[in-house]
């Protein structure tokens, strides 16, 4: 995987903990940026980082039997239904398109 300069990105992370520490995993995940937990095994991350950096930072927190998947889901591409008002507000606040991000 080619490492490029960090830029603002949205990443979908799936991790089913079977042998690692969920507390350590979530702490490492929060160090990478803003997160929203969608369910017991799925998080959305918005941060100034690369896909490779996300993977590399989280791998040490994953046990040998844990399922792990991370994908760059890009800006502005999203859809959901029946997530509830609170989770919808969290998703809207974290998943910003280039046009809706605050200026630096």
Foldseek 3Di string as FASTA:
>chain_A
DDADFFDWFKKKKFKDADDFDPVVLVVLQVVAADWDAQDPGIIIGTHRGDPVVNVVSRVVRHDPPMDIDMDTPGAPDDDDPDSDDVSVVSCDVRRHHPVPDDDD
